[in-house]
Amino acid sequence: MRIGEKIKQLRLQHRLTQEELANRCELSKGFISQLERDQTSPSISTLMDILECLGTNLKDFFNETTEEKLVFGVNDYPVKESEECSITWLVPSAQKNSMEPIMVVINPGCCTDTDNPHEGEEFGYVLSGKIVLHLGSAEKKCRKGDSFYFRSAMPHYIENTGKTPAQLIWVSTPPNF
């Protein structure tokens, strides 16, 4: 971390000149100038005074938070492929989130692995093809444009009963894929 550069950014955000900041901190303009160019380092006490004048504190100043990624592209998606189907995770590292969206492509005559009962809920939307949702002993037919929603309290899996690959978006909460 470049302390001087970060102090300069804060100073400019507060629309202060180097001289105005120096006066507020009882420092010289030359010291602020050298500090902002990383030519000198402040003592902890001096840094605390400067940060107080800039409306922050040591903890927040040194907190290096990275911006959370909000948009993902095809190169970000992990994919798991087998002869039966492929699973594409639409949000990488979604296991840390409340829900996990995936895209599933199931080949004709194949099905997903059976998911055992667990806490949570499932939602799906069929993008193409025909599927049968197996939920416990129940079977529900779905085709392109249909959606499904259920609590994950029974064993469940999806079977492609059509002659072409079936593609669907499937969202599980909590994540378990």
C-alpha atoms as a PDB file:
ATOM      1  CA  MET A   1       0.000   0.000   0.000  1.00  0.00           C
ATOM      2  CA  ARG A   2       1.239   3.450  -0.881  1.00  0.00           C
ATOM      3  CA  ILE A   3       0.275   5.518   2.152  1.00  0.00           C
ATOM      4  CA  GLY A   4       1.115   8.857   0.568  1.00  0.00           C
ATOM      5  CA  GLU A   5      -0.975   8.216  -2.504  1.00  0.00           C
ATOM      6  CA  LYS A   6      -3.941   7.177  -0.389  1.00  0.00           C
ATOM      7  CA  ILE A   7      -3.626  10.284   1.815  1.00  0.00           C
ATOM      8  CA  LYS A   8      -3.534  12.442  -1.305  1.00  0.00           C
ATOM      9  CA  GLN A   9      -6.711  10.793  -2.618  1.00  0.00           C
ATOM     10  CA  LEU A  10      -8.479  11.450   0.699  1.00  0.00           C
ATOM     11  CA  ARG A  11      -7.257  15.045   0.749  1.00  0.00           C
ATOM     12  CA  LEU A  12      -8.552  15.657  -2.760  1.00  0.00           C
ATOM     13  CA  GLN A  13     -11.878  14.021  -1.898  1.00  0.00           C
ATOM     14  CA  HIS A  14     -12.236  16.560   0.918  1.00  0.00           C
ATOM     15  CA  ARG A  15     -11.223  19.354  -1.500  1.00  0.00           C
ATOM     16  CA  LEU A  16      -8.325  20.431   0.673  1.00  0.00           C
ATOM     17  CA  THR A  17      -5.028  21.873  -0.499  1.00  0.00           C
ATOM     18  CA  GLN A  18      -1.807  20.550   0.969  1.00  0.00           C
ATOM     19  CA  GLU A  19      -1.517  23.790   2.918  1.00  0.00           C
ATOM     20  CA  GLU A  20      -5.049  23.491   4.345  1.00  0.00           C
ATOM     21  CA  LEU A  21      -4.398  19.911   5.477  1.00  0.00           C
ATOM     22  CA  ALA A  22      -1.023  20.902   6.939  1.00  0.00           C
ATOM     23  CA  ASN A  23      -2.611  23.761   8.916  1.00  0.00           C
ATOM     24  CA  ARG A  24      -5.350  21.495  10.301  1.00  0.00           C
ATOM     25  CA  CYS A  25      -2.748  18.955  11.440  1.00  0.00           C
ATOM     26  CA  GLU A  26      -0.215  21.542  12.641  1.00  0.00           C
ATOM     27  CA  LEU A  27       2.325  20.257  10.113  1.00  0.00           C
ATOM     28  CA  SER A  28       4.230  21.940   7.303  1.00  0.00           C
ATOM     29  CA  LYS A  29       3.044  21.989   3.704  1.00  0.00           C
ATOM     30  CA  GLY A  30       6.438  20.545   2.740  1.00  0.00           C
ATOM     31  CA  PHE A  31       5.910  17.538   5.034  1.00  0.00           C
ATOM     32  CA  ILE A  32       2.472  16.840   3.481  1.00  0.00           C
ATOM     33  CA  SER A  33       4.014  17.166   0.002  1.00  0.00           C
ATOM     34  CA  GLN A  34       6.814  14.702   0.842  1.00  0.00           C
ATOM     35  CA  LEU A  35       4.349  12.349   2.521  1.00  0.00           C
ATOM     36  CA  GLU A  36       2.061  12.294  -0.527  1.00  0.00           C
ATOM     37  CA  ARG A  37       5.046  11.473  -2.761  1.00  0.00           C
ATOM     38  CA  ASP A  38       6.110   8.687  -0.369  1.00  0.00           C
ATOM     39  CA  GLN A  39       9.395  10.461   0.324  1.00  0.00           C
ATOM     40  CA  THR A  40       8.827  10.372   4.070  1.00  0.00           C
ATOM     41  CA  SER A  41       6.838   8.290   6.514  1.00  0.00           C
ATOM     42  CA  PRO A  42       4.736   9.698   9.345  1.00  0.00           C
ATOM     43  CA  SER A  43       4.833   8.453  12.906  1.00  0.00           C
ATOM     44  CA  ILE A  44       1.732   6.579  14.022  1.00  0.00           C
ATOM     45  CA  SER A  45       0.669   9.595  16.056  1.00  0.00           C
ATOM     46  CA  THR A  46       1.082  11.960  13.085  1.00  0.00           C
ATOM     47  CA  LEU A  47      -0.733   9.561  10.764  1.00  0.00           C
ATOM     48  CA  MET A  48      -3.624   9.342  13.248  1.00  0.00           C
ATOM     49  CA  ASP A  49      -3.834  13.170  13.330  1.00  0.00           C
ATOM     50  CA  ILE A  50      -3.838  13.398   9.534  1.00  0.00           C
ATOM     51  CA  LEU A  51      -6.492  10.698   9.201  1.00  0.00           C
ATOM     52  CA  GLU A  52      -8.666  12.384  11.827  1.00  0.00           C
ATOM     53  CA  CYS A  53      -8.511  15.609   9.777  1.00  0.00           C
ATOM     54  CA  LEU A  54      -9.515  13.579   6.717  1.00  0.00           C
ATOM     55  CA  GLY A  55     -12.507  11.996   8.480  1.00  0.00           C
ATOM     56  CA  THR A  56     -11.200   8.475   8.866  1.00  0.00           C
ATOM     57  CA  ASN A  57      -9.146   6.303  11.224  1.00  0.00           C
ATOM     58  CA  LEU A  58      -6.318   3.777  11.062  1.00  0.00           C
ATOM     59  CA  LYS A  59      -8.600   0.757  10.827  1.00  0.00           C
ATOM     60  CA  ASP A  60     -10.604   2.090   7.885  1.00  0.00           C
ATOM     61  CA  PHE A  61      -7.543   3.587   6.193  1.00  0.00           C
ATOM     62  CA  PHE A  62      -5.694   0.262   6.126  1.00  0.00           C
ATOM     63  CA  ASN A  63      -8.762  -1.863   5.376  1.00  0.00           C
ATOM     64  CA  GLU A  64      -7.993  -3.163   1.889  1.00  0.00           C
ATOM     65  CA  THR A  65     -11.411  -4.285   0.725  1.00  0.00           C
ATOM     66  CA  THR A  66     -11.643  -5.529  -2.796  1.00  0.00           C
ATOM     67  CA  GLU A  67     -14.705  -4.745  -4.814  1.00  0.00           C
ATOM     68  CA  GLU A  68     -16.969  -7.755  -5.120  1.00  0.00           C
ATOM     69  CA  LYS A  69     -17.338  -8.967  -8.679  1.00  0.00           C
ATOM     70  CA  LEU A  70     -20.920  -8.562  -9.882  1.00  0.00           C
ATOM     71  CA  VAL A  71     -20.777  -9.578 -13.536  1.00  0.00           C
ATOM     72  CA  PHE A  72     -19.410 -12.867 -14.816  1.00  0.00           C
ATOM     73  CA  GLY A  73     -18.637 -13.980 -18.358  1.00  0.00           C
ATOM     74  CA  VAL A  74     -18.225 -17.289 -20.114  1.00  0.00           C
ATOM     75  CA  ASN A  75     -14.504 -17.412 -19.204  1.00  0.00           C
ATOM     76  CA  ASP A  76     -15.375 -17.221 -15.483  1.00  0.00           C
ATOM     77  CA  TYR A  77     -17.669 -20.268 -15.436  1.00  0.00           C
ATOM     78  CA  PRO A  78     -16.338 -23.552 -14.058  1.00  0.00           C
ATOM     79  CA  VAL A  79     -17.811 -26.531 -15.929  1.00  0.00           C
ATOM     80  CA  LYS A  80     -18.140 -30.181 -14.900  1.00  0.00           C
ATOM     81  CA  GLU A  81     -18.851 -32.545 -17.789  1.00  0.00           C
ATOM     82  CA  SER A  82     -19.798 -36.196 -17.963  1.00  0.00           C
ATOM     83  CA  GLU A  83     -21.406 -38.428 -20.604  1.00  0.00           C
ATOM     84  CA  GLU A  84     -24.823 -37.792 -19.049  1.00  0.00           C
ATOM     85  CA  CYS A  85     -24.761 -34.054 -18.482  1.00  0.00           C
ATOM     86  CA  SER A  86     -22.742 -30.904 -17.981  1.00  0.00           C
ATOM     87  CA  ILE A  87     -23.031 -28.451 -15.113  1.00  0.00           C
ATOM     88  CA  THR A  88     -21.909 -24.847 -15.505  1.00  0.00           C
ATOM     89  CA  TRP A  89     -21.613 -22.721 -12.363  1.00  0.00           C
ATOM     90  CA  LEU A  90     -22.964 -19.305 -13.374  1.00  0.00           C
ATOM     91  CA  VAL A  91     -21.527 -17.578 -10.297  1.00  0.00           C
ATOM     92  CA  PRO A  92     -18.010 -18.811  -9.482  1.00  0.00           C
ATOM     93  CA  SER A  93     -17.492 -19.542  -5.779  1.00  0.00           C
ATOM     94  CA  ALA A  94     -21.244 -19.342  -5.141  1.00  0.00           C
ATOM     95  CA  GLN A  95     -20.819 -21.825  -2.292  1.00  0.00           C
ATOM     96  CA  LYS A  96     -20.228 -18.818  -0.009  1.00  0.00           C
ATOM     97  CA  ASN A  97     -23.521 -17.209  -1.081  1.00  0.00           C
ATOM     98  CA  SER A  98     -27.111 -17.941  -0.103  1.00  0.00           C
ATOM     99  CA  MET A  99     -27.988 -19.446  -3.463  1.00  0.00           C
ATOM    100  CA  GLU A 100     -26.146 -21.215  -6.241  1.00  0.00           C
ATOM    101  CA  PRO A 101     -27.298 -20.824  -9.847  1.00  0.00           C
ATOM    102  CA  ILE A 102     -26.125 -23.388 -12.379  1.00  0.00           C
ATOM    103  CA  MET A 103     -26.906 -24.222 -15.983  1.00  0.00           C
ATOM    104  CA  VAL A 104     -27.458 -27.915 -16.612  1.00  0.00           C
ATOM    105  CA  VAL A 105     -27.430 -29.632 -20.006  1.00  0.00           C
ATOM    106  CA  ILE A 106     -28.741 -33.204 -19.875  1.00  0.00           C
ATOM    107  CA  ASN A 107     -28.237 -35.507 -22.832  1.00  0.00           C
ATOM    108  CA  PRO A 108     -31.235 -37.474 -24.218  1.00  0.00           C
ATOM    109  CA  GLY A 109     -32.156 -40.475 -22.077  1.00  0.00           C
ATOM    110  CA  CYS A 110     -29.857 -39.345 -19.227  1.00  0.00           C
ATOM    111  CA  CYS A 111     -30.418 -37.800 -15.830  1.00  0.00           C
ATOM    112  CA  THR A 112     -28.665 -35.836 -13.105  1.00  0.00           C
ATOM    113  CA  ASP A 113     -27.360 -37.535  -9.994  1.00  0.00           C
ATOM    114  CA  THR A 114     -29.940 -37.985  -7.248  1.00  0.00           C
ATOM    115  CA  ASP A 115     -29.754 -35.228  -4.676  1.00  0.00           C
ATOM    116  CA  ASN A 116     -30.602 -36.509  -1.195  1.00  0.00           C
ATOM    117  CA  PRO A 117     -32.976 -34.591   1.096  1.00  0.00           C
ATOM    118  CA  HIS A 118     -31.429 -31.468   2.608  1.00  0.00           C
ATOM    119  CA  GLU A 119     -32.408 -28.114   4.035  1.00  0.00           C
ATOM    120  CA  GLY A 120     -33.270 -25.583   1.394  1.00  0.00           C
ATOM    121  CA  GLU A 121     -35.215 -24.911  -1.754  1.00  0.00           C
ATOM    122  CA  GLU A 122     -34.750 -25.466  -5.471  1.00  0.00           C
ATOM    123  CA  PHE A 123     -35.867 -23.473  -8.500  1.00  0.00           C
ATOM    124  CA  GLY A 124     -35.461 -24.342 -12.147  1.00  0.00           C
ATOM    125  CA  TYR A 125     -36.334 -22.922 -15.554  1.00  0.00           C
ATOM    126  CA  VAL A 126     -36.251 -25.072 -18.689  1.00  0.00           C
ATOM    127  CA  LEU A 127     -34.480 -23.260 -21.529  1.00  0.00           C
ATOM    128  CA  SER A 128     -34.850 -26.072 -24.085  1.00  0.00           C
ATOM    129  CA  GLY A 129     -35.934 -29.688 -24.331  1.00  0.00           C
ATOM    130  CA  LYS A 130     -38.228 -31.883 -22.235  1.00  0.00           C
ATOM    131  CA  ILE A 131     -37.495 -33.103 -18.718  1.00  0.00           C
ATOM    132  CA  VAL A 132     -39.134 -35.022 -15.924  1.00  0.00           C
ATOM    133  CA  LEU A 133     -38.550 -33.741 -12.394  1.00  0.00           C
ATOM    134  CA  HIS A 134     -38.403 -36.683  -9.985  1.00  0.00           C
ATOM    135  CA  LEU A 135     -39.290 -35.534  -6.475  1.00  0.00           C
ATOM    136  CA  GLY A 136     -39.616 -38.458  -4.086  1.00  0.00           C
ATOM    137  CA  SER A 137     -42.087 -40.787  -5.835  1.00  0.00           C
ATOM    138  CA  ALA A 138     -43.679 -37.924  -7.822  1.00  0.00           C
ATOM    139  CA  GLU A 139     -42.844 -37.225 -11.454  1.00  0.00           C
ATOM    140  CA  LYS A 140     -43.540 -33.809 -12.993  1.00  0.00           C
ATOM    141  CA  LYS A 141     -43.125 -33.190 -16.718  1.00  0.00           C
ATOM    142  CA  CYS A 142     -41.609 -29.875 -17.820  1.00  0.00           C
ATOM    143  CA  ARG A 143     -40.765 -28.474 -21.233  1.00  0.00           C
ATOM    144  CA  LYS A 144     -39.202 -25.331 -22.663  1.00  0.00           C
ATOM    145  CA  GLY A 145     -40.539 -22.257 -20.857  1.00  0.00           C
ATOM    146  CA  ASP A 146     -41.717 -24.160 -17.762  1.00  0.00           C
ATOM    147  CA  SER A 147     -40.300 -23.553 -14.311  1.00  0.00           C
ATOM    148  CA  PHE A 148     -40.348 -25.561 -11.084  1.00  0.00           C
ATOM    149  CA  TYR A 149     -39.924 -24.783  -7.409  1.00  0.00           C
ATOM    150  CA  PHE A 150     -39.806 -27.128  -4.420  1.00  0.00           C
ATOM    151  CA  ARG A 151     -38.429 -27.627  -0.947  1.00  0.00           C
ATOM    152  CA  SER A 152     -35.482 -30.010  -0.913  1.00  0.00           C
ATOM    153  CA  ALA A 153     -36.993 -32.377   1.675  1.00  0.00           C
ATOM    154  CA  MET A 154     -37.132 -35.446  -0.621  1.00  0.00           C
ATOM    155  CA  PRO A 155     -34.638 -37.131  -2.941  1.00  0.00           C
ATOM    156  CA  HIS A 156     -34.764 -35.433  -6.340  1.00  0.00           C
ATOM    157  CA  TYR A 157     -33.222 -35.549  -9.790  1.00  0.00           C
ATOM    158  CA  ILE A 158     -33.986 -34.506 -13.356  1.00  0.00           C
ATOM    159  CA  GLU A 159     -34.316 -36.821 -16.336  1.00  0.00           C
ATOM    160  CA  ASN A 160     -34.215 -35.843 -20.014  1.00  0.00           C
ATOM    161  CA  THR A 161     -37.058 -37.748 -21.702  1.00  0.00           C
ATOM    162  CA  GLY A 162     -36.680 -35.965 -25.055  1.00  0.00           C
ATOM    163  CA  LYS A 163     -34.670 -36.710 -28.185  1.00  0.00           C
ATOM    164  CA  THR A 164     -32.474 -33.589 -27.911  1.00  0.00           C
ATOM    165  CA  PRO A 165     -30.328 -32.213 -25.083  1.00  0.00           C
ATOM    166  CA  ALA A 166     -32.332 -30.436 -22.383  1.00  0.00           C
ATOM    167  CA  GLN A 167     -30.960 -27.202 -20.974  1.00  0.00           C
ATOM    168  CA  LEU A 168     -32.115 -25.567 -17.754  1.00  0.00           C
ATOM    169  CA  ILE A 169     -31.166 -22.992 -15.163  1.00  0.00           C
ATOM    170  CA  TRP A 170     -31.248 -24.493 -11.679  1.00  0.00           C
ATOM    171  CA  VAL A 171     -30.896 -22.491  -8.479  1.00  0.00           C
ATOM    172  CA  SER A 172     -30.345 -24.165  -5.119  1.00  0.00           C
ATOM    173  CA  THR A 173     -30.403 -22.579  -1.703  1.00  0.00           C
ATOM    174  CA  PRO A 174     -28.301 -23.184   0.248  1.00  0.00           C
ATOM    175  CA  PRO A 175     -25.621 -24.101  -2.314  1.00  0.00           C
ATOM    176  CA  ASN A 176     -25.012 -27.830  -2.625  1.00  0.00           C
ATOM    177  CA  PHE A 177     -23.900 -28.608  -6.188  1.00  0.00           C
END
